[in-house]
Amino acid sequence: MNEEEKIRRIETFGDSYCDEHLKNWNNDTLDKNWWESLKFFFSHSFCRGRRDQLANEYYCFAIKVLEDYFSIRNNNLDESYKNLKNSRRFYGKEWILNFKKERFLGKTNCIRHKDFAREVADKNPLVKLLKTPKKVEIKWDESKYNKELSLNNDEDVMMLLDTLKIVSTDEKKNIYHYIKETIKNFGIDTAYKELVKIRAVADKIASFLIRDIGLMNAGLISEHYEKAFPVDTRVNKMAQRLGFEEVKKFLIQKSLEYNVNPLKFAAGLWMCGFNNLDLES
C-alpha cells in the first residue's frame, strides 16, 4: 500500500470515529440545549493525558455533581441555569490559585494539602462537593458500573470552575454554540484562543474540541487546520509508523496533498492508534 492509499484509508477511519464517538451528540440539540452543550465540552476536556476510561469516570462524576448541585433536569433547564448564574461567585480558578500562591506551592497539586479544606473547600460548596468522594454510575462502551470517585487533581477542578464562569455569562451560556459561532464569524484562531484561556485546556484539548465541532458541521472549517488537529501519543505513534516527522504540520500537508479531509484524517489517525489497526491488512 503506497502513501496515498494509506492516507485515504485513514480518512475512512475518520468516518468510523464519527459513527462511534459522535453518534450520541445531536448538532441541533447541542445548539439549543446549554446543558447538553456543557456535557459535550466536559466529555472532551477531561481527556488530559490519562486513560480514556478514567477520563470518562471523572466526566461522569462531574456531571452527576453538577446535576445535583444545580438541580438540573431536562424539564427545568431555564431554572437550573438561573441556579448556575446565582452561584457565579464560586467560579473561577482564583479560588485555588490564590491558595497555591500564598503557600508557594507552584505546580504542586494542592487538593490534599492540610489547609485546603479549611481555606478553600469549606468556603466554596462546589469545590467541596467536587473533592468529596461520591458513588456514581459510570457508562463505558456498552456497560455500566458504580464507582466511588472525586476530583483529586486541582487542575481538573480549576478547569471546571473556569468553564462554569464562562457559561454563566448569557452570551456564552451555550458553549458549543458559542465556539461554533466564533469559528464561523471570527475564525478558528479566535475560537482557539478563547478555549486555551480555560485552565488546563491547552493545544490538544482545544484542537480536539474544534475538530469535533468541525466534523459535526460540514464546511465550518476550511483553513488553519493546525488548530483542529489534536496530536496525542497515539497519533504520534501512528505518524512514526507512517514515517512522518514534524507531525501536525506534515500530516495536514499530506492530507491536503491527496485531497483528504484533514479533520477526518486526524480522527482516523486517533482511531487507528486507539484500536492498534494495521494499515497494511
C-alpha atoms as a PDB file:
ATOM      1  CA  MET A   1       0.000   0.000   0.000  1.00  0.00           C
ATOM      2  CA  ASN A   2       1.522   3.329  -1.057  1.00  0.00           C
ATOM      3  CA  GLU A   3       1.413   6.595   0.887  1.00  0.00           C
ATOM      4  CA  GLU A   4      -1.724   7.964  -0.788  1.00  0.00           C
ATOM      5  CA  GLU A   5      -3.633   4.712  -0.240  1.00  0.00           C
ATOM      6  CA  LYS A   6      -2.681   4.713   3.453  1.00  0.00           C
ATOM      7  CA  ILE A   7      -3.811   8.309   3.918  1.00  0.00           C
ATOM      8  CA  ARG A   8      -7.105   7.687   2.139  1.00  0.00           C
ATOM      9  CA  ARG A   9      -7.691   4.591   4.243  1.00  0.00           C
ATOM     10  CA  ILE A  10      -7.026   6.563   7.421  1.00  0.00           C
ATOM     11  CA  GLU A  11      -9.680   9.055   6.311  1.00  0.00           C
ATOM     12  CA  THR A  12     -12.232   6.222   6.224  1.00  0.00           C
ATOM     13  CA  PHE A  13     -11.398   5.514   9.867  1.00  0.00           C
ATOM     14  CA  GLY A  14     -12.307   9.155  10.476  1.00  0.00           C
ATOM     15  CA  ASP A  15     -15.807   8.265   9.298  1.00  0.00           C
ATOM     16  CA  SER A  16     -15.764   5.385  11.775  1.00  0.00           C
ATOM     17  CA  TYR A  17     -14.779   7.816  14.522  1.00  0.00           C
ATOM     18  CA  CYS A  18     -17.814   9.972  13.723  1.00  0.00           C
ATOM     19  CA  ASP A  19     -20.081   6.922  13.748  1.00  0.00           C
ATOM     20  CA  GLU A  20     -18.737   5.588  17.051  1.00  0.00           C
ATOM     21  CA  HIS A  21     -17.811   8.651  19.094  1.00  0.00           C
ATOM     22  CA  LEU A  22     -20.080  11.436  17.850  1.00  0.00           C
ATOM     23  CA  LYS A  23     -23.239   9.401  17.272  1.00  0.00           C
ATOM     24  CA  ASN A  24     -24.727  10.265  20.686  1.00  0.00           C
ATOM     25  CA  TRP A  25     -24.408  14.014  20.122  1.00  0.00           C
ATOM     26  CA  ASN A  26     -27.060  15.774  18.054  1.00  0.00           C
ATOM     27  CA  ASN A  27     -25.958  19.023  16.465  1.00  0.00           C
ATOM     28  CA  ASP A  28     -29.356  20.722  16.751  1.00  0.00           C
ATOM     29  CA  THR A  29     -29.700  19.691  20.397  1.00  0.00           C
ATOM     30  CA  LEU A  30     -26.217  20.952  21.202  1.00  0.00           C
ATOM     31  CA  ASP A  31     -27.044  24.247  19.516  1.00  0.00           C
ATOM     32  CA  LYS A  32     -30.161  24.775  21.641  1.00  0.00           C
ATOM     33  CA  ASN A  33     -29.532  22.977  24.931  1.00  0.00           C
ATOM     34  CA  TRP A  34     -26.924  24.636  27.176  1.00  0.00           C
ATOM     35  CA  TRP A  35     -26.650  21.571  29.436  1.00  0.00           C
ATOM     36  CA  GLU A  36     -26.011  19.091  26.596  1.00  0.00           C
ATOM     37  CA  SER A  37     -23.517  21.599  25.246  1.00  0.00           C
ATOM     38  CA  LEU A  38     -21.678  21.713  28.571  1.00  0.00           C
ATOM     39  CA  LYS A  39     -21.626  17.915  28.751  1.00  0.00           C
ATOM     40  CA  PHE A  40     -20.135  17.827  25.251  1.00  0.00           C
ATOM     41  CA  PHE A  41     -17.401  20.196  26.394  1.00  0.00           C
ATOM     42  CA  PHE A  42     -16.569  18.201  29.525  1.00  0.00           C
ATOM     43  CA  SER A  43     -16.568  14.926  27.565  1.00  0.00           C
ATOM     44  CA  HIS A  44     -13.512  16.370  25.809  1.00  0.00           C
ATOM     45  CA  SER A  45     -11.864  18.496  28.492  1.00  0.00           C
ATOM     46  CA  PHE A  46     -11.269  15.650  30.967  1.00  0.00           C
ATOM     47  CA  CYS A  47      -9.157  13.816  28.349  1.00  0.00           C
ATOM     48  CA  ARG A  48      -5.935  15.254  29.727  1.00  0.00           C
ATOM     49  CA  GLY A  49      -3.218  12.675  29.160  1.00  0.00           C
ATOM     50  CA  ARG A  50      -4.979   9.936  31.107  1.00  0.00           C
ATOM     51  CA  ARG A  51      -6.594   6.641  30.193  1.00  0.00           C
ATOM     52  CA  ASP A  52      -9.836   7.103  28.269  1.00  0.00           C
ATOM     53  CA  GLN A  53     -11.835   5.091  30.788  1.00  0.00           C
ATOM     54  CA  LEU A  54     -10.514   7.178  33.688  1.00  0.00           C
ATOM     55  CA  ALA A  55     -11.280  10.404  31.809  1.00  0.00           C
ATOM     56  CA  ASN A  56     -14.827   9.124  31.317  1.00  0.00           C
ATOM     57  CA  GLU A  57     -15.140   8.309  35.020  1.00  0.00           C
ATOM     58  CA  TYR A  58     -14.156  11.846  36.006  1.00  0.00           C
ATOM     59  CA  TYR A  59     -16.585  13.179  33.402  1.00  0.00           C
ATOM     60  CA  CYS A  60     -19.469  11.090  34.803  1.00  0.00           C
ATOM     61  CA  PHE A  61     -18.630  12.180  38.344  1.00  0.00           C
ATOM     62  CA  ALA A  62     -18.515  15.882  37.421  1.00  0.00           C
ATOM     63  CA  ILE A  63     -21.802  15.692  35.520  1.00  0.00           C
ATOM     64  CA  LYS A  64     -23.534  14.000  38.462  1.00  0.00           C
ATOM     65  CA  VAL A  65     -22.232  16.601  40.932  1.00  0.00           C
ATOM     66  CA  LEU A  66     -23.416  19.463  38.716  1.00  0.00           C
ATOM     67  CA  GLU A  67     -26.809  17.842  38.104  1.00  0.00           C
ATOM     68  CA  ASP A  68     -27.367  17.540  41.842  1.00  0.00           C
ATOM     69  CA  TYR A  69     -25.928  20.925  42.798  1.00  0.00           C
ATOM     70  CA  PHE A  70     -27.930  22.925  40.247  1.00  0.00           C
ATOM     71  CA  SER A  71     -30.976  20.601  40.241  1.00  0.00           C
ATOM     72  CA  ILE A  72     -30.566  20.096  36.509  1.00  0.00           C
ATOM     73  CA  ARG A  73     -33.325  18.208  34.745  1.00  0.00           C
ATOM     74  CA  ASN A  74     -34.302  18.431  31.084  1.00  0.00           C
ATOM     75  CA  ASN A  75     -37.693  19.867  32.029  1.00  0.00           C
ATOM     76  CA  ASN A  76     -36.244  22.721  34.118  1.00  0.00           C
ATOM     77  CA  LEU A  77     -33.195  23.934  32.200  1.00  0.00           C
ATOM     78  CA  ASP A  78     -34.154  27.616  32.476  1.00  0.00           C
ATOM     79  CA  GLU A  79     -34.499  27.376  36.244  1.00  0.00           C
ATOM     80  CA  SER A  80     -31.311  25.358  36.662  1.00  0.00           C
ATOM     81  CA  TYR A  81     -29.413  27.917  34.570  1.00  0.00           C
ATOM     82  CA  LYS A  82     -30.598  30.599  36.984  1.00  0.00           C
ATOM     83  CA  ASN A  83     -29.189  28.464  39.787  1.00  0.00           C
ATOM     84  CA  LEU A  84     -25.906  28.271  37.920  1.00  0.00           C
ATOM     85  CA  LYS A  85     -25.748  32.043  37.424  1.00  0.00           C
ATOM     86  CA  ASN A  86     -26.633  32.715  41.050  1.00  0.00           C
ATOM     87  CA  SER A  87     -23.573  30.753  42.172  1.00  0.00           C
ATOM     88  CA  ARG A  88     -21.178  32.697  39.945  1.00  0.00           C
ATOM     89  CA  ARG A  89     -19.175  33.986  42.920  1.00  0.00           C
ATOM     90  CA  PHE A  90     -17.853  30.444  43.435  1.00  0.00           C
ATOM     91  CA  TYR A  91     -16.434  30.078  39.912  1.00  0.00           C
ATOM     92  CA  GLY A  92     -13.004  30.760  38.534  1.00  0.00           C
ATOM     93  CA  LYS A  93      -9.560  29.344  39.150  1.00  0.00           C
ATOM     94  CA  GLU A  94      -8.619  32.166  41.528  1.00  0.00           C
ATOM     95  CA  TRP A  95     -10.026  30.240  44.481  1.00  0.00           C
ATOM     96  CA  ILE A  96      -7.270  27.678  44.073  1.00  0.00           C
ATOM     97  CA  LEU A  97      -4.530  29.797  42.509  1.00  0.00           C
ATOM     98  CA  ASN A  98      -4.569  32.237  45.423  1.00  0.00           C
ATOM     99  CA  PHE A  99      -4.303  29.362  47.892  1.00  0.00           C
ATOM    100  CA  LYS A 100      -1.318  27.918  45.988  1.00  0.00           C
ATOM    101  CA  LYS A 101       0.377  31.308  45.690  1.00  0.00           C
ATOM    102  CA  GLU A 102       0.101  32.082  49.406  1.00  0.00           C
ATOM    103  CA  ARG A 103       1.801  28.765  50.213  1.00  0.00           C
ATOM    104  CA  PHE A 104       4.381  28.837  47.396  1.00  0.00           C
ATOM    105  CA  LEU A 105       3.056  25.542  46.048  1.00  0.00           C
ATOM    106  CA  GLY A 106       3.871  26.206  42.404  1.00  0.00           C
ATOM    107  CA  LYS A 107       2.588  23.364  40.244  1.00  0.00           C
ATOM    108  CA  THR A 108       2.005  21.063  43.209  1.00  0.00           C
ATOM    109  CA  ASN A 109      -1.468  19.553  43.393  1.00  0.00           C
ATOM    110  CA  CYS A 110      -2.972  21.239  46.454  1.00  0.00           C
ATOM    111  CA  ILE A 111      -6.212  19.273  46.878  1.00  0.00           C
ATOM    112  CA  ARG A 112      -4.791  17.140  49.692  1.00  0.00           C
ATOM    113  CA  HIS A 113      -2.957  19.983  51.409  1.00  0.00           C
ATOM    114  CA  LYS A 114      -3.807  20.062  55.109  1.00  0.00           C
ATOM    115  CA  ASP A 115      -5.248  23.599  54.870  1.00  0.00           C
ATOM    116  CA  PHE A 116      -7.172  23.175  51.603  1.00  0.00           C
ATOM    117  CA  ALA A 117     -10.456  22.066  53.174  1.00  0.00           C
ATOM    118  CA  ARG A 118     -10.499  24.894  55.714  1.00  0.00           C
ATOM    119  CA  GLU A 119      -9.246  27.662  53.424  1.00  0.00           C
ATOM    120  CA  VAL A 120     -10.982  26.748  50.152  1.00  0.00           C
ATOM    121  CA  ALA A 121     -13.431  23.829  50.190  1.00  0.00           C
ATOM    122  CA  ASP A 122     -15.318  24.873  53.317  1.00  0.00           C
ATOM    123  CA  LYS A 123     -15.844  28.334  51.800  1.00  0.00           C
ATOM    124  CA  ASN A 124     -16.797  27.089  48.344  1.00  0.00           C
ATOM    125  CA  PRO A 125     -19.615  24.489  48.341  1.00  0.00           C
ATOM    126  CA  LEU A 126     -18.978  23.425  44.765  1.00  0.00           C
ATOM    127  CA  VAL A 127     -15.282  22.766  45.358  1.00  0.00           C
ATOM    128  CA  LYS A 128     -16.219  20.829  48.483  1.00  0.00           C
ATOM    129  CA  LEU A 129     -18.570  18.585  46.514  1.00  0.00           C
ATOM    130  CA  LEU A 130     -16.019  18.052  43.750  1.00  0.00           C
ATOM    131  CA  LYS A 131     -13.364  16.857  46.215  1.00  0.00           C
ATOM    132  CA  THR A 132     -15.746  14.722  48.289  1.00  0.00           C
ATOM    133  CA  PRO A 133     -15.911  11.049  47.208  1.00  0.00           C
ATOM    134  CA  LYS A 134     -19.280  10.087  45.762  1.00  0.00           C
ATOM    135  CA  LYS A 135     -20.534   6.852  44.256  1.00  0.00           C
ATOM    136  CA  VAL A 136     -21.764   7.415  40.704  1.00  0.00           C
ATOM    137  CA  GLU A 137     -22.956   5.294  37.814  1.00  0.00           C
ATOM    138  CA  ILE A 138     -20.394   5.044  35.028  1.00  0.00           C
ATOM    139  CA  LYS A 139     -21.369   4.343  31.436  1.00  0.00           C
ATOM    140  CA  TRP A 140     -18.468   2.920  29.448  1.00  0.00           C
ATOM    141  CA  ASP A 141     -18.862   1.426  25.960  1.00  0.00           C
ATOM    142  CA  GLU A 142     -21.937  -0.788  26.310  1.00  0.00           C
ATOM    143  CA  SER A 143     -21.558  -1.432  30.042  1.00  0.00           C
ATOM    144  CA  LYS A 144     -22.492   0.292  33.302  1.00  0.00           C
ATOM    145  CA  TYR A 145     -20.914   0.073  36.758  1.00  0.00           C
ATOM    146  CA  ASN A 146     -20.822   2.048  40.002  1.00  0.00           C
ATOM    147  CA  LYS A 147     -17.664   3.589  41.409  1.00  0.00           C
ATOM    148  CA  GLU A 148     -16.771   5.988  44.214  1.00  0.00           C
ATOM    149  CA  LEU A 149     -14.903   8.981  42.812  1.00  0.00           C
ATOM    150  CA  SER A 150     -13.829  12.545  43.445  1.00  0.00           C
ATOM    151  CA  LEU A 151     -11.791  15.124  41.544  1.00  0.00           C
ATOM    152  CA  ASN A 152      -8.466  14.770  43.319  1.00  0.00           C
ATOM    153  CA  ASN A 153      -6.485  16.952  40.906  1.00  0.00           C
ATOM    154  CA  ASP A 154      -6.616  20.738  41.286  1.00  0.00           C
ATOM    155  CA  GLU A 155      -6.203  21.254  37.510  1.00  0.00           C
ATOM    156  CA  ASP A 156      -9.460  19.374  36.883  1.00  0.00           C
ATOM    157  CA  VAL A 157     -11.270  21.450  39.490  1.00  0.00           C
ATOM    158  CA  MET A 158      -9.912  24.728  38.102  1.00  0.00           C
ATOM    159  CA  MET A 159     -10.855  23.695  34.566  1.00  0.00           C
ATOM    160  CA  LEU A 160     -14.412  23.001  35.678  1.00  0.00           C
ATOM    161  CA  LEU A 161     -14.717  26.265  37.642  1.00  0.00           C
ATOM    162  CA  ASP A 162     -13.248  28.297  34.788  1.00  0.00           C
ATOM    163  CA  THR A 163     -15.714  26.737  32.352  1.00  0.00           C
ATOM    164  CA  LEU A 164     -18.697  27.467  34.595  1.00  0.00           C
ATOM    165  CA  LYS A 165     -17.549  31.077  34.855  1.00  0.00           C
ATOM    166  CA  ILE A 166     -17.710  31.348  31.071  1.00  0.00           C
ATOM    167  CA  VAL A 167     -21.062  29.573  30.791  1.00  0.00           C
ATOM    168  CA  SER A 168     -22.591  31.795  33.489  1.00  0.00           C
ATOM    169  CA  THR A 169     -22.347  34.724  31.052  1.00  0.00           C
ATOM    170  CA  ASP A 170     -25.556  34.942  28.992  1.00  0.00           C
ATOM    171  CA  GLU A 171     -23.904  35.314  25.579  1.00  0.00           C
ATOM    172  CA  LYS A 172     -21.716  32.269  26.305  1.00  0.00           C
ATOM    173  CA  LYS A 173     -24.423  30.213  28.004  1.00  0.00           C
ATOM    174  CA  ASN A 174     -24.243  27.531  25.322  1.00  0.00           C
ATOM    175  CA  ILE A 175     -20.524  26.860  24.991  1.00  0.00           C
ATOM    176  CA  TYR A 176     -20.898  24.611  21.936  1.00  0.00           C
ATOM    177  CA  HIS A 177     -22.906  27.248  20.062  1.00  0.00           C
ATOM    178  CA  TYR A 178     -20.550  29.986  21.232  1.00  0.00           C
ATOM    179  CA  ILE A 179     -17.431  28.221  19.944  1.00  0.00           C
ATOM    180  CA  LYS A 180     -19.124  27.240  16.692  1.00  0.00           C
ATOM    181  CA  GLU A 181     -20.324  30.786  16.013  1.00  0.00           C
ATOM    182  CA  THR A 182     -16.920  32.178  16.952  1.00  0.00           C
ATOM    183  CA  ILE A 183     -15.318  29.928  14.327  1.00  0.00           C
ATOM    184  CA  LYS A 184     -17.962  30.920  11.787  1.00  0.00           C
ATOM    185  CA  ASN A 185     -17.829  34.676  12.383  1.00  0.00           C
ATOM    186  CA  PHE A 186     -14.295  35.377  13.588  1.00  0.00           C
ATOM    187  CA  GLY A 187     -12.240  32.379  12.514  1.00  0.00           C
ATOM    188  CA  ILE A 188     -10.732  29.312  14.067  1.00  0.00           C
ATOM    189  CA  ASP A 189      -7.803  31.216  15.613  1.00  0.00           C
ATOM    190  CA  THR A 190     -10.158  33.329  17.731  1.00  0.00           C
ATOM    191  CA  ALA A 191     -12.077  30.264  18.928  1.00  0.00           C
ATOM    192  CA  TYR A 192      -8.802  28.515  19.768  1.00  0.00           C
ATOM    193  CA  LYS A 193      -7.566  31.495  21.798  1.00  0.00           C
ATOM    194  CA  GLU A 194     -10.849  31.547  23.737  1.00  0.00           C
ATOM    195  CA  LEU A 195     -10.530  27.876  24.611  1.00  0.00           C
ATOM    196  CA  VAL A 196      -6.918  27.957  25.785  1.00  0.00           C
ATOM    197  CA  LYS A 197      -7.808  30.704  28.263  1.00  0.00           C
ATOM    198  CA  ILE A 198      -9.554  27.980  30.269  1.00  0.00           C
ATOM    199  CA  ARG A 199      -7.332  26.402  32.906  1.00  0.00           C
ATOM    200  CA  ALA A 200      -5.881  23.031  31.809  1.00  0.00           C
ATOM    201  CA  VAL A 201      -7.159  23.454  28.249  1.00  0.00           C
ATOM    202  CA  ALA A 202      -4.031  23.510  26.087  1.00  0.00           C
ATOM    203  CA  ASP A 203      -3.447  22.725  22.426  1.00  0.00           C
ATOM    204  CA  LYS A 204      -4.556  19.087  22.475  1.00  0.00           C
ATOM    205  CA  ILE A 205      -7.917  19.685  24.170  1.00  0.00           C
ATOM    206  CA  ALA A 206      -8.664  22.929  22.285  1.00  0.00           C
ATOM    207  CA  SER A 207      -7.939  21.378  18.890  1.00  0.00           C
ATOM    208  CA  PHE A 208      -9.814  18.196  19.917  1.00  0.00           C
ATOM    209  CA  LEU A 209     -12.951  20.245  20.633  1.00  0.00           C
ATOM    210  CA  ILE A 210     -12.607  22.345  17.483  1.00  0.00           C
ATOM    211  CA  ARG A 211     -12.024  19.264  15.335  1.00  0.00           C
ATOM    212  CA  ASP A 212     -15.152  17.506  16.592  1.00  0.00           C
ATOM    213  CA  ILE A 213     -17.272  20.650  16.193  1.00  0.00           C
ATOM    214  CA  GLY A 214     -15.930  20.844  12.654  1.00  0.00           C
ATOM    215  CA  LEU A 215     -16.752  17.200  11.992  1.00  0.00           C
ATOM    216  CA  MET A 216     -20.331  17.821  13.123  1.00  0.00           C
ATOM    217  CA  ASN A 217     -20.676  20.934  10.956  1.00  0.00           C
ATOM    218  CA  ALA A 218     -19.504  20.235   7.409  1.00  0.00           C
ATOM    219  CA  GLY A 219     -17.823  23.212   5.791  1.00  0.00           C
ATOM    220  CA  LEU A 220     -17.328  25.130   9.035  1.00  0.00           C
ATOM    221  CA  ILE A 221     -13.532  24.714   8.938  1.00  0.00           C
ATOM    222  CA  SER A 222     -11.634  25.131   5.677  1.00  0.00           C
ATOM    223  CA  GLU A 223      -8.291  26.605   6.792  1.00  0.00           C
ATOM    224  CA  HIS A 224      -5.909  26.859   9.757  1.00  0.00           C
ATOM    225  CA  TYR A 225      -6.287  23.116  10.293  1.00  0.00           C
ATOM    226  CA  GLU A 226      -3.434  23.079  12.804  1.00  0.00           C
ATOM    227  CA  LYS A 227      -5.936  24.431  15.367  1.00  0.00           C
ATOM    228  CA  ALA A 228      -8.220  21.460  14.661  1.00  0.00           C
ATOM    229  CA  PHE A 229      -5.635  18.678  14.575  1.00  0.00           C
ATOM    230  CA  PRO A 230      -5.048  17.238  18.053  1.00  0.00           C
ATOM    231  CA  VAL A 231      -1.865  15.257  18.500  1.00  0.00           C
ATOM    232  CA  ASP A 232      -1.538  12.784  21.368  1.00  0.00           C
ATOM    233  CA  THR A 233       0.695   9.778  21.960  1.00  0.00           C
ATOM    234  CA  ARG A 234      -1.464   7.564  19.732  1.00  0.00           C
ATOM    235  CA  VAL A 235      -1.303   9.995  16.808  1.00  0.00           C
ATOM    236  CA  ASN A 236       2.452  10.389  17.302  1.00  0.00           C
ATOM    237  CA  LYS A 237       2.936   6.629  17.208  1.00  0.00           C
ATOM    238  CA  MET A 238       0.826   6.294  14.066  1.00  0.00           C
ATOM    239  CA  ALA A 239       2.783   9.096  12.415  1.00  0.00           C
ATOM    240  CA  GLN A 240       6.041   7.313  13.244  1.00  0.00           C
ATOM    241  CA  ARG A 241       4.707   4.079  11.765  1.00  0.00           C
ATOM    242  CA  LEU A 242       3.871   6.020   8.593  1.00  0.00           C
ATOM    243  CA  GLY A 243       7.367   7.513   8.560  1.00  0.00           C
ATOM    244  CA  PHE A 244       6.191  11.107   9.029  1.00  0.00           C
ATOM    245  CA  GLU A 245       8.012  13.758  11.033  1.00  0.00           C
ATOM    246  CA  GLU A 246       7.006  17.287  12.138  1.00  0.00           C
ATOM    247  CA  VAL A 247       3.769  15.557  12.997  1.00  0.00           C
ATOM    248  CA  LYS A 248       0.969  18.131  12.929  1.00  0.00           C
ATOM    249  CA  LYS A 249       2.164  20.362  10.069  1.00  0.00           C
ATOM    250  CA  PHE A 250       3.314  17.445   7.950  1.00  0.00           C
ATOM    251  CA  LEU A 251       0.176  15.347   8.398  1.00  0.00           C
ATOM    252  CA  ILE A 252      -2.061  18.273   7.480  1.00  0.00           C
ATOM    253  CA  GLN A 253       0.089  18.950   4.423  1.00  0.00           C
ATOM    254  CA  LYS A 254      -0.126  15.312   3.340  1.00  0.00           C
ATOM    255  CA  SER A 255      -3.902  15.112   3.782  1.00  0.00           C
ATOM    256  CA  LEU A 256      -4.405  18.262   1.695  1.00  0.00           C
ATOM    257  CA  GLU A 257      -1.962  16.980  -0.917  1.00  0.00           C
ATOM    258  CA  TYR A 258      -4.203  13.966  -1.511  1.00  0.00           C
ATOM    259  CA  ASN A 259      -7.458  15.942  -1.198  1.00  0.00           C
ATOM    260  CA  VAL A 260      -8.326  14.233   2.088  1.00  0.00           C
ATOM    261  CA  ASN A 261     -10.384  15.981   4.792  1.00  0.00           C
ATOM    262  CA  PRO A 262      -7.799  16.916   7.494  1.00  0.00           C
ATOM    263  CA  LEU A 263     -10.414  16.674  10.251  1.00  0.00           C
ATOM    264  CA  LYS A 264     -11.406  13.136   9.292  1.00  0.00           C
ATOM    265  CA  PHE A 265      -7.750  12.274   8.791  1.00  0.00           C
ATOM    266  CA  ALA A 266      -6.962  13.496  12.330  1.00  0.00           C
ATOM    267  CA  ALA A 267      -9.852  11.478  13.775  1.00  0.00           C
ATOM    268  CA  GLY A 268      -8.873   8.460  11.683  1.00  0.00           C
ATOM    269  CA  LEU A 269      -5.292   8.567  12.959  1.00  0.00           C
ATOM    270  CA  TRP A 270      -6.587   8.533  16.507  1.00  0.00           C
ATOM    271  CA  MET A 271      -8.911   5.609  15.714  1.00  0.00           C
ATOM    272  CA  CYS A 272      -6.040   3.656  14.172  1.00  0.00           C
ATOM    273  CA  GLY A 273      -3.897   4.238  17.233  1.00  0.00           C
ATOM    274  CA  PHE A 274      -6.698   3.533  19.696  1.00  0.00           C
ATOM    275  CA  ASN A 275      -7.556   0.230  18.031  1.00  0.00           C
ATOM    276  CA  ASN A 276      -3.944  -0.616  17.093  1.00  0.00           C
ATOM    277  CA  LEU A 277      -5.015  -1.114  13.494  1.00  0.00           C
ATOM    278  CA  ASP A 278      -2.668  -2.466  10.830  1.00  0.00           C
ATOM    279  CA  LEU A 279      -2.955  -0.290   7.740  1.00  0.00           C
ATOM    280  CA  GLU A 280      -1.461  -2.983   5.561  1.00  0.00           C
ATOM    281  CA  SER A 281      -4.146  -5.577   6.337  1.00  0.00           C
END
